[in-house]
PDB file of all heavy atoms in Angstrom:
ATOM      1  N   ALA A   1     194.579 101.725 213.926  1.00  0.00           N
ATOM      2  CA  ALA A   1     194.649 102.644 212.764  1.00  0.00           C
ATOM      3  C   ALA A   1     195.768 102.255 211.856  1.00  0.00           C
ATOM      4  O   ALA A   1     195.627 102.274 210.650  1.00  0.00           O
ATOM      5  CB  ALA A   1     194.807 104.102 213.245  1.00  0.00           C
ATOM      6  N   GLU A   2     196.919 101.953 212.396  1.00  0.00           N
ATOM      7  CA  GLU A   2     198.048 101.535 211.598  1.00  0.00           C
ATOM      8  C   GLU A   2     197.773 100.229 210.814  1.00  0.00           C
ATOM      9  O   GLU A   2     198.123 100.054 209.661  1.00  0.00           O
ATOM     10  CB  GLU A   2     199.300 101.357 212.428  1.00  0.00           C
ATOM     11  CG  GLU A   2     200.522 100.962 211.588  1.00  0.00           C
ATOM     12  CD  GLU A   2     201.762 100.843 212.369  1.00  0.00           C
ATOM     13  OE1 GLU A   2     202.231 101.838 212.924  1.00  0.00           O
ATOM     14  OE2 GLU A   2     202.312  99.679 212.506  1.00  0.00           O
ATOM     15  N   GLN A   3     197.109  99.301 211.498  1.00  0.00           N
ATOM     16  CA  GLN A   3     196.771  98.044 210.832  1.00  0.00           C
ATOM     17  C   GLN A   3     195.829  98.263 209.620  1.00  0.00           C
ATOM     18  O   GLN A   3     195.986  97.570 208.641  1.00  0.00           O
ATOM     19  CB  GLN A   3     196.123  97.054 211.804  1.00  0.00           C
ATOM     20  CG  GLN A   3     195.976  95.657 211.261  1.00  0.00           C
ATOM     21  CD  GLN A   3     197.326  95.061 210.827  1.00  0.00           C
ATOM     22  OE1 GLN A   3     198.252  95.042 211.590  1.00  0.00           O
ATOM     23  NE2 GLN A   3     197.382  94.575 209.607  1.00  0.00           N
ATOM     24  N   LYS A   4     194.917  99.154 209.792  1.00  0.00           N
ATOM     25  CA  LYS A   4     194.020  99.448 208.625  1.00  0.00           C
ATOM     26  C   LYS A   4     194.820  99.964 207.435  1.00  0.00           C
ATOM     27  O   LYS A   4     194.544  99.596 206.299  1.00  0.00           O
ATOM     28  CB  LYS A   4     192.966 100.459 209.028  1.00  0.00           C
ATOM     29  CG  LYS A   4     191.856  99.913 209.896  1.00  0.00           C
ATOM     30  CD  LYS A   4     190.782 100.998 210.114  1.00  0.00           C
ATOM     31  CE  LYS A   4     189.627 100.465 210.951  1.00  0.00           C
ATOM     32  NZ  LYS A   4     188.565 101.509 211.121  1.00  0.00           N
ATOM     33  N   VAL A   5     195.816 100.833 207.714  1.00  0.00           N
ATOM     34  CA  VAL A   5     196.624 101.343 206.632  1.00  0.00           C
ATOM     35  C   VAL A   5     197.434 100.216 206.028  1.00  0.00           C
ATOM     36  O   VAL A   5     197.541 100.060 204.794  1.00  0.00           O
ATOM     37  CB  VAL A   5     197.563 102.473 207.099  1.00  0.00           C
ATOM     38  CG1 VAL A   5     198.545 102.868 206.034  1.00  0.00           C
ATOM     39  CG2 VAL A   5     196.737 103.675 207.560  1.00  0.00           C
ATOM     40  N   ARG A   6     198.030  99.372 206.850  1.00  0.00           N
ATOM     41  CA  ARG A   6     198.800  98.224 206.383  1.00  0.00           C
ATOM     42  C   ARG A   6     197.972  97.359 205.479  1.00  0.00           C
ATOM     43  O   ARG A   6     198.417  96.846 204.418  1.00  0.00           O
ATOM     44  CB  ARG A   6     199.375  97.410 207.526  1.00  0.00           C
ATOM     45  CG  ARG A   6     200.527  98.094 208.297  1.00  0.00           C
ATOM     46  CD  ARG A   6     200.999  97.182 209.409  1.00  0.00           C
ATOM     47  NE  ARG A   6     202.063  97.789 210.184  1.00  0.00           N
ATOM     48  CZ  ARG A   6     203.364  97.798 209.827  1.00  0.00           C
ATOM     49  NH1 ARG A   6     203.680  97.197 208.687  1.00  0.00           N
ATOM     50  NH2 ARG A   6     204.253  98.370 210.603  1.00  0.00           N
ATOM     51  N   ASP A   7     196.750  97.075 205.896  1.00  0.00           N
ATOM     52  CA  ASP A   7     195.867  96.178 205.111  1.00  0.00           C
ATOM     53  C   ASP A   7     195.598  96.809 203.771  1.00  0.00           C
ATOM     54  O   ASP A   7     195.631  96.115 202.732  1.00  0.00           O
ATOM     55  CB  ASP A   7     194.540  95.966 205.821  1.00  0.00           C
ATOM     56  CG  ASP A   7     194.703  95.102 207.097  1.00  0.00           C
ATOM     57  OD1 ASP A   7     195.772  94.455 207.270  1.00  0.00           O
ATOM     58  OD2 ASP A   7     193.776  95.113 207.923  1.00  0.00           O
ATOM     59  N   ARG A   8     195.319  98.095 203.717  1.00  0.00           N
ATOM     60  CA  ARG A   8     195.022  98.729 202.400  1.00  0.00           C
ATOM     61  C   ARG A   8     196.252  98.812 201.519  1.00  0.00           C
ATOM     62  O   ARG A   8     196.167  98.618 200.306  1.00  0.00           O
ATOM     63  CB  ARG A   8     194.414 100.125 202.649  1.00  0.00           C
ATOM     64  CG  ARG A   8     193.011 100.072 203.196  1.00  0.00           C
ATOM     65  CD  ARG A   8     192.075  99.296 202.236  1.00  0.00           C
ATOM     66  NE  ARG A   8     190.850  98.886 202.887  1.00  0.00           N
ATOM     67  CZ  ARG A   8     189.681  99.578 202.721  1.00  0.00           C
ATOM     68  NH1 ARG A   8     189.615 100.688 202.012  1.00  0.00           N
ATOM     69  NH2 ARG A   8     188.593  99.114 203.291  1.00  0.00           N
ATOM     70  N   LEU A   9     197.379  99.121 202.127  1.00  0.00           N
ATOM     71  CA  LEU A   9     198.646  99.127 201.347  1.00  0.00           C
ATOM     72  C   LEU A   9     198.983  97.746 200.787  1.00  0.00           C
ATOM     73  O   LEU A   9     199.496  97.632 199.667  1.00  0.00           O
ATOM     74  CB  LEU A   9     199.797  99.682 202.157  1.00  0.00           C
ATOM     75  CG  LEU A   9     199.747 101.167 202.553  1.00  0.00           C
ATOM     76  CD1 LEU A   9     200.991 101.544 203.320  1.00  0.00           C
ATOM     77  CD2 LEU A   9     199.531 102.076 201.361  1.00  0.00           C
ATOM     78  N   ALA A  10     198.728  96.730 201.568  1.00  0.00           N
ATOM     79  CA  ALA A  10     198.987  95.336 201.086  1.00  0.00           C
ATOM     80  C   ALA A  10     198.136  95.010 199.886  1.00  0.00           C
ATOM     81  O   ALA A  10     198.585  94.448 198.918  1.00  0.00           O
ATOM     82  CB  ALA A  10     198.730  94.377 202.230  1.00  0.00           C
ATOM     83  N   ARG A  11     196.839  95.458 199.947  1.00  0.00           N
ATOM     84  CA  ARG A  11     195.954  95.183 198.806  1.00  0.00           C
ATOM     85  C   ARG A  11     196.408  96.011 197.586  1.00  0.00           C
ATOM     86  O   ARG A  11     196.377  95.510 196.447  1.00  0.00           O
ATOM     87  CB  ARG A  11     194.508  95.524 199.159  1.00  0.00           C
ATOM     88  CG  ARG A  11     193.902  94.668 200.253  1.00  0.00           C
ATOM     89  CD  ARG A  11     194.122  93.182 200.049  1.00  0.00           C
ATOM     90  NE  ARG A  11     193.769  92.727 198.704  1.00  0.00           N
ATOM     91  CZ  ARG A  11     194.214  91.655 198.100  1.00  0.00           C
ATOM     92  NH1 ARG A  11     195.005  90.849 198.764  1.00  0.00           N
ATOM     93  NH2 ARG A  11     193.854  91.334 196.874  1.00  0.00           N
ATOM     94  N   LEU A  12     196.832  97.222 197.818  1.00  0.00           N
ATOM     95  CA  LEU A  12     197.283  98.061 196.726  1.00  0.00           C
ATOM     96  C   LEU A  12     198.549  97.489 196.143  1.00  0.00           C
ATOM     97  O   LEU A  12     198.715  97.460 194.892  1.00  0.00           O
ATOM     98  CB  LEU A  12     197.526  99.495 197.232  1.00  0.00           C
ATOM     99  CG  LEU A  12     197.908 100.534 196.163  1.00  0.00           C
ATOM    100  CD1 LEU A  12     196.844 100.747 195.125  1.00  0.00           C
ATOM    101  CD2 LEU A  12     198.269 101.848 196.835  1.00  0.00           C
ATOM    102  N   SER A  13     199.458  97.055 196.950  1.00  0.00           N
ATOM    103  CA  SER A  13     200.701  96.427 196.457  1.00  0.00           C
ATOM    104  C   SER A  13     200.431  95.199 195.624  1.00  0.00           C
ATOM    105  O   SER A  13     201.051  94.978 194.597  1.00  0.00           O
ATOM    106  CB  SER A  13     201.599  96.068 197.661  1.00  0.00           C
ATOM    107  OG  SER A  13     202.748  95.403 197.256  1.00  0.00           O
ATOM    108  N   ALA A  14     199.454  94.368 196.116  1.00  0.00           N
ATOM    109  CA  ALA A  14     199.120  93.118 195.397  1.00  0.00           C
ATOM    110  C   ALA A  14     198.551  93.495 194.030  1.00  0.00           C
ATOM    111  O   ALA A  14     198.855  92.820 193.040  1.00  0.00           O
ATOM    112  CB  ALA A  14     198.117  92.361 196.202  1.00  0.00           C
ATOM    113  N   TRP A  15     197.747  94.552 193.957  1.00  0.00           N
ATOM    114  CA  TRP A  15     197.176  94.951 192.644  1.00  0.00           C
ATOM    115  C   TRP A  15     198.310  95.435 191.714  1.00  0.00           C
ATOM    116  O   TRP A  15     198.366  95.060 190.564  1.00  0.00           O
ATOM    117  CB  TRP A  15     196.150  96.005 192.856  1.00  0.00           C
ATOM    118  CG  TRP A  15     195.722  96.598 191.479  1.00  0.00           C
ATOM    119  CD1 TRP A  15     196.276  97.704 190.882  1.00  0.00           C
ATOM    120  CD2 TRP A  15     194.779  96.049 190.582  1.00  0.00           C
ATOM    121  NE1 TRP A  15     195.706  97.833 189.613  1.00  0.00           N
ATOM    122  CE2 TRP A  15     194.788  96.879 189.430  1.00  0.00           C
ATOM    123  CE3 TRP A  15     193.924  94.962 190.653  1.00  0.00           C
ATOM    124  CZ2 TRP A  15     193.909  96.621 188.357  1.00  0.00           C
ATOM    125  CZ3 TRP A  15     193.085  94.719 189.553  1.00  0.00           C
ATOM    126  CH2 TRP A  15     193.092  95.541 188.431  1.00  0.00           C
ATOM    127  N   LEU A  16     199.155  96.300 192.285  1.00  0.00           N
ATOM    128  CA  LEU A  16     200.176  96.880 191.437  1.00  0.00           C
ATOM    129  C   LEU A  16     201.118  95.788 190.880  1.00  0.00           C
ATOM    130  O   LEU A  16     201.500  95.796 189.695  1.00  0.00           O
ATOM    131  CB  LEU A  16     200.986  97.906 192.216  1.00  0.00           C
ATOM    132  CG  LEU A  16     202.052  98.670 191.433  1.00  0.00           C
ATOM    133  CD1 LEU A  16     201.470  99.554 190.387  1.00  0.00           C
ATOM    134  CD2 LEU A  16     202.841  99.560 192.440  1.00  0.00           C
ATOM    135  N   GLY A  17     201.552  94.841 191.731  1.00  0.00           N
ATOM    136  CA  GLY A  17     202.425  93.809 191.283  1.00  0.00           C
ATOM    137  C   GLY A  17     203.689  94.371 190.669  1.00  0.00           C
ATOM    138  O   GLY A  17     204.354  95.227 191.219  1.00  0.00           O
ATOM    139  N   GLU A  18     203.986  93.955 189.437  1.00  0.00           N
ATOM    140  CA  GLU A  18     205.148  94.478 188.715  1.00  0.00           C
ATOM    141  C   GLU A  18     204.793  95.547 187.741  1.00  0.00           C
ATOM    142  O   GLU A  18     205.650  95.948 186.907  1.00  0.00           O
ATOM    143  CB  GLU A  18     205.837  93.306 188.004  1.00  0.00           C
ATOM    144  CG  GLU A  18     206.388  92.254 188.964  1.00  0.00           C
ATOM    145  CD  GLU A  18     207.102  91.097 188.230  1.00  0.00           C
ATOM    146  OE1 GLU A  18     207.190  91.167 186.997  1.00  0.00           O
ATOM    147  OE2 GLU A  18     207.598  90.191 188.995  1.00  0.00           O
ATOM    148  N   ARG A  19     203.605  96.036 187.752  1.00  0.00           N
ATOM    149  CA  ARG A  19     203.209  97.136 186.879  1.00  0.00           C
ATOM    150  C   ARG A  19     203.958  98.406 187.197  1.00  0.00           C
ATOM    151  O   ARG A  19     204.346  98.625 188.362  1.00  0.00           O
ATOM    152  CB  ARG A  19     201.695  97.442 187.000  1.00  0.00           C
ATOM    153  CG  ARG A  19     200.740  96.357 186.584  1.00  0.00           C
ATOM    154  CD  ARG A  19     199.295  96.953 186.758  1.00  0.00           C
ATOM    155  NE  ARG A  19     198.266  96.031 186.342  1.00  0.00           N
ATOM    156  CZ  ARG A  19     197.602  95.187 187.143  1.00  0.00           C
ATOM    157  NH1 ARG A  19     197.959  95.142 188.412  1.00  0.00           N
ATOM    158  NH2 ARG A  19     196.694  94.392 186.697  1.00  0.00           N
ATOM    159  N   ASP A  20     204.116  99.248 186.217  1.00  0.00           N
ATOM    160  CA  ASP A  20     204.661 100.587 186.476  1.00  0.00           C
ATOM    161  C   ASP A  20     203.588 101.510 187.072  1.00  0.00           C
ATOM    162  O   ASP A  20     203.915 102.389 187.885  1.00  0.00           O
ATOM    163  CB  ASP A  20     205.204 101.233 185.169  1.00  0.00           C
ATOM    164  CG  ASP A  20     206.536 100.611 184.755  1.00  0.00           C
ATOM    165  OD1 ASP A  20     207.181  99.986 185.586  1.00  0.00           O
ATOM    166  OD2 ASP A  20     206.891 100.763 183.572  1.00  0.00           O
ATOM    167  N   TYR A  21     202.356 101.276 186.647  1.00  0.00           N
ATOM    168  CA  TYR A  21     201.241 102.134 187.083  1.00  0.00           C
ATOM    169  C   TYR A  21     200.068 101.270 187.388  1.00  0.00           C
ATOM    170  O   TYR A  21     200.045 100.064 187.132  1.00  0.00           O
ATOM    171  CB  TYR A  21     200.928 103.163 185.975  1.00  0.00           C
ATOM    172  CG  TYR A  21     202.071 104.036 185.653  1.00  0.00           C
ATOM    173  CD1 TYR A  21     202.788 103.868 184.429  1.00  0.00           C
ATOM    174  CD2 TYR A  21     202.560 105.031 186.556  1.00  0.00           C
ATOM    175  CE1 TYR A  21     203.872 104.650 184.105  1.00  0.00           C
ATOM    176  CE2 TYR A  21     203.641 105.802 186.238  1.00  0.00           C
ATOM    177  CZ  TYR A  21     204.299 105.639 185.022  1.00  0.00           C
ATOM    178  OH  TYR A  21     205.411 106.398 184.714  1.00  0.00           O
ATOM    179  N   LEU A  22     198.974 101.927 187.932  1.00  0.00           N
ATOM    180  CA  LEU A  22     197.793 101.135 188.325  1.00  0.00           C
ATOM    181  C   LEU A  22     197.117 100.475 187.195  1.00  0.00           C
ATOM    182  O   LEU A  22     196.529  99.410 187.297  1.00  0.00           O
ATOM    183  CB  LEU A  22     196.845 102.105 189.066  1.00  0.00           C
ATOM    184  CG  LEU A  22     197.362 102.662 190.372  1.00  0.00           C
ATOM    185  CD1 LEU A  22     196.398 103.719 190.895  1.00  0.00           C
ATOM    186  CD2 LEU A  22     197.557 101.576 191.422  1.00  0.00           C
ATOM    187  N   GLU A  23     197.169 101.112 186.005  1.00  0.00           N
ATOM    188  CA  GLU A  23     196.679 100.444 184.736  1.00  0.00           C
ATOM    189  C   GLU A  23     197.893 100.353 183.822  1.00  0.00           C
ATOM    190  O   GLU A  23     198.967 100.222 184.251  1.00  0.00           O
ATOM    191  CB  GLU A  23     195.498 101.298 184.235  1.00  0.00           C
ATOM    192  CG  GLU A  23     194.284 101.285 185.145  1.00  0.00           C
ATOM    193  CD  GLU A  23     193.638  99.924 185.345  1.00  0.00           C
ATOM    194  OE1 GLU A  23     193.643  99.065 184.387  1.00  0.00           O
ATOM    195  OE2 GLU A  23     193.116  99.654 186.435  1.00  0.00           O
ATOM    196  N   ASP A  24     197.626 100.464 182.521  1.00  0.00           N
ATOM    197  CA  ASP A  24     198.713 100.248 181.580  1.00  0.00           C
ATOM    198  C   ASP A  24     199.513 101.483 181.277  1.00  0.00           C
ATOM    199  O   ASP A  24     200.453 101.446 180.459  1.00  0.00           O
ATOM    200  CB  ASP A  24     198.204  99.590 180.314  1.00  0.00           C
ATOM    201  CG  ASP A  24     197.135 100.405 179.584  1.00  0.00           C
ATOM    202  OD1 ASP A  24     196.825 101.517 180.142  1.00  0.00           O
ATOM    203  OD2 ASP A  24     196.640 100.055 178.517  1.00  0.00           O
ATOM    204  N   ARG A  25     199.163 102.630 181.914  1.00  0.00           N
ATOM    205  CA  ARG A  25     199.891 103.889 181.646  1.00  0.00           C
ATOM    206  C   ARG A  25     199.534 104.840 182.787  1.00  0.00           C
ATOM    207  O   ARG A  25     198.571 104.620 183.522  1.00  0.00           O
ATOM    208  CB  ARG A  25     199.466 104.478 180.349  1.00  0.00           C
ATOM    209  CG  ARG A  25     197.989 104.480 180.042  1.00  0.00           C
ATOM    210  CD  ARG A  25     197.533 105.564 179.108  1.00  0.00           C
ATOM    211  NE  ARG A  25     197.654 106.892 179.712  1.00  0.00           N
ATOM    212  CZ  ARG A  25     197.097 107.983 179.235  1.00  0.00           C
ATOM    213  NH1 ARG A  25     196.422 107.932 178.130  1.00  0.00           N
ATOM    214  NH2 ARG A  25     197.189 109.148 179.860  1.00  0.00           N
ATOM    215  N   PHE A  26     200.305 105.900 182.931  1.00  0.00           N
ATOM    216  CA  PHE A  26     200.034 106.898 183.931  1.00  0.00           C
ATOM    217  C   PHE A  26     198.718 107.612 183.643  1.00  0.00           C
ATOM    218  O   PHE A  26     198.468 108.031 182.508  1.00  0.00           O
ATOM    219  CB  PHE A  26     201.155 107.927 183.931  1.00  0.00           C
ATOM    220  CG  PHE A  26     200.961 109.058 184.925  1.00  0.00           C
ATOM    221  CD1 PHE A  26     201.383 108.901 186.263  1.00  0.00           C
ATOM    222  CD2 PHE A  26     200.369 110.265 184.555  1.00  0.00           C
ATOM    223  CE1 PHE A  26     201.177 109.919 187.203  1.00  0.00           C
ATOM    224  CE2 PHE A  26     200.179 111.274 185.497  1.00  0.00           C
ATOM    225  CZ  PHE A  26     200.619 111.115 186.795  1.00  0.00           C
ATOM    226  N   THR A  27     197.888 107.797 184.705  1.00  0.00           N
ATOM    227  CA  THR A  27     196.599 108.514 184.520  1.00  0.00           C
ATOM    228  C   THR A  27     196.412 109.378 185.767  1.00  0.00           C
ATOM    229  O   THR A  27     197.204 109.356 186.702  1.00  0.00           O
ATOM    230  CB  THR A  27     195.427 107.529 184.410  1.00  0.00           C
ATOM    231  OG1 THR A  27     195.142 106.932 185.646  1.00  0.00           O
ATOM    232  CG2 THR A  27     195.632 106.545 183.285  1.00  0.00           C
ATOM    233  N   ALA A  28     195.279 110.066 185.774  1.00  0.00           N
ATOM    234  CA  ALA A  28     194.911 110.863 186.957  1.00  0.00           C
ATOM    235  C   ALA A  28     194.778 109.995 188.180  1.00  0.00           C
ATOM    236  O   ALA A  28     194.910 110.454 189.311  1.00  0.00           O
ATOM    237  CB  ALA A  28     193.576 111.626 186.689  1.00  0.00           C
ATOM    238  N   GLY A  29     194.462 108.693 188.009  1.00  0.00           N
ATOM    239  CA  GLY A  29     194.391 107.833 189.139  1.00  0.00           C
ATOM    240  C   GLY A  29     195.686 107.632 189.828  1.00  0.00           C
ATOM    241  O   GLY A  29     195.762 107.637 191.060  1.00  0.00           O
ATOM    242  N   ASP A  30     196.748 107.582 189.077  1.00  0.00           N
ATOM    243  CA  ASP A  30     198.095 107.487 189.628  1.00  0.00           C
ATOM    244  C   ASP A  30     198.509 108.813 190.340  1.00  0.00           C
ATOM    245  O   ASP A  30     199.119 108.802 191.400  1.00  0.00           O
ATOM    246  CB  ASP A  30     199.147 107.145 188.534  1.00  0.00           C
ATOM    247  CG  ASP A  30     198.865 105.808 187.905  1.00  0.00           C
ATOM    248  OD1 ASP A  30     199.007 104.804 188.583  1.00  0.00           O
ATOM    249  OD2 ASP A  30     198.530 105.789 186.719  1.00  0.00           O
ATOM    250  N   LEU A  31     198.112 109.921 189.719  1.00  0.00           N
ATOM    251  CA  LEU A  31     198.357 111.207 190.325  1.00  0.00           C
ATOM    252  C   LEU A  31     197.772 111.274 191.672  1.00  0.00           C
ATOM    253  O   LEU A  31     198.407 111.647 192.672  1.00  0.00           O
ATOM    254  CB  LEU A  31     197.787 112.292 189.380  1.00  0.00           C
ATOM    255  CG  LEU A  31     197.984 113.762 189.781  1.00  0.00           C
ATOM    256  CD1 LEU A  31     197.880 114.639 188.498  1.00  0.00           C
ATOM    257  CD2 LEU A  31     196.996 114.265 190.783  1.00  0.00           C
ATOM    258  N   MET A  32     196.504 110.930 191.795  1.00  0.00           N
ATOM    259  CA  MET A  32     195.818 111.034 193.096  1.00  0.00           C
ATOM    260  C   MET A  32     196.400 110.006 194.094  1.00  0.00           C
ATOM    261  O   MET A  32     196.617 110.333 195.278  1.00  0.00           O
ATOM    262  CB  MET A  32     194.324 110.774 192.898  1.00  0.00           C
ATOM    263  CG  MET A  32     193.626 111.948 192.164  1.00  0.00           C
ATOM    264  SD  MET A  32     193.552 113.476 193.090  1.00  0.00           S
ATOM    265  CE  MET A  32     192.410 113.019 194.398  1.00  0.00           C
ATOM    266  N   MET A  33     196.642 108.785 193.639  1.00  0.00           N
ATOM    267  CA  MET A  33     197.159 107.745 194.558  1.00  0.00           C
ATOM    268  C   MET A  33     198.539 108.154 195.089  1.00  0.00           C
ATOM    269  O   MET A  33     198.823 107.956 196.275  1.00  0.00           O
ATOM    270  CB  MET A  33     197.221 106.388 193.877  1.00  0.00           C
ATOM    271  CG  MET A  33     197.448 105.251 194.791  1.00  0.00           C
ATOM    272  SD  MET A  33     196.118 105.000 195.994  1.00  0.00           S
ATOM    273  CE  MET A  33     194.881 104.288 194.909  1.00  0.00           C
ATOM    274  N   THR A  34     199.384 108.716 194.236  1.00  0.00           N
ATOM    275  CA  THR A  34     200.692 109.150 194.711  1.00  0.00           C
ATOM    276  C   THR A  34     200.597 110.203 195.798  1.00  0.00           C
ATOM    277  O   THR A  34     201.345 110.177 196.780  1.00  0.00           O
ATOM    278  CB  THR A  34     201.522 109.668 193.533  1.00  0.00           C
ATOM    279  OG1 THR A  34     201.647 108.648 192.571  1.00  0.00           O
ATOM    280  CG2 THR A  34     202.892 110.107 193.973  1.00  0.00           C
ATOM    281  N   THR A  35     199.643 111.105 195.638  1.00  0.00           N
ATOM    282  CA  THR A  35     199.528 112.146 196.701  1.00  0.00           C
ATOM    283  C   THR A  35     199.035 111.546 197.999  1.00  0.00           C
ATOM    284  O   THR A  35     199.312 112.127 199.039  1.00  0.00           O
ATOM    285  CB  THR A  35     198.566 113.328 196.270  1.00  0.00           C
ATOM    286  OG1 THR A  35     197.243 112.777 196.081  1.00  0.00           O
ATOM    287  CG2 THR A  35     199.045 113.927 194.969  1.00  0.00           C
TER     288      THR A  35
END
């Protein structure tokens, strides 16, 4: 179970990179992801 979380967080981290947010600005997607 922990490995599955690690895998998903790794993919999320790779997508985020050096961005401040998931896209080019804060949206409801960031709100949900943060929770």
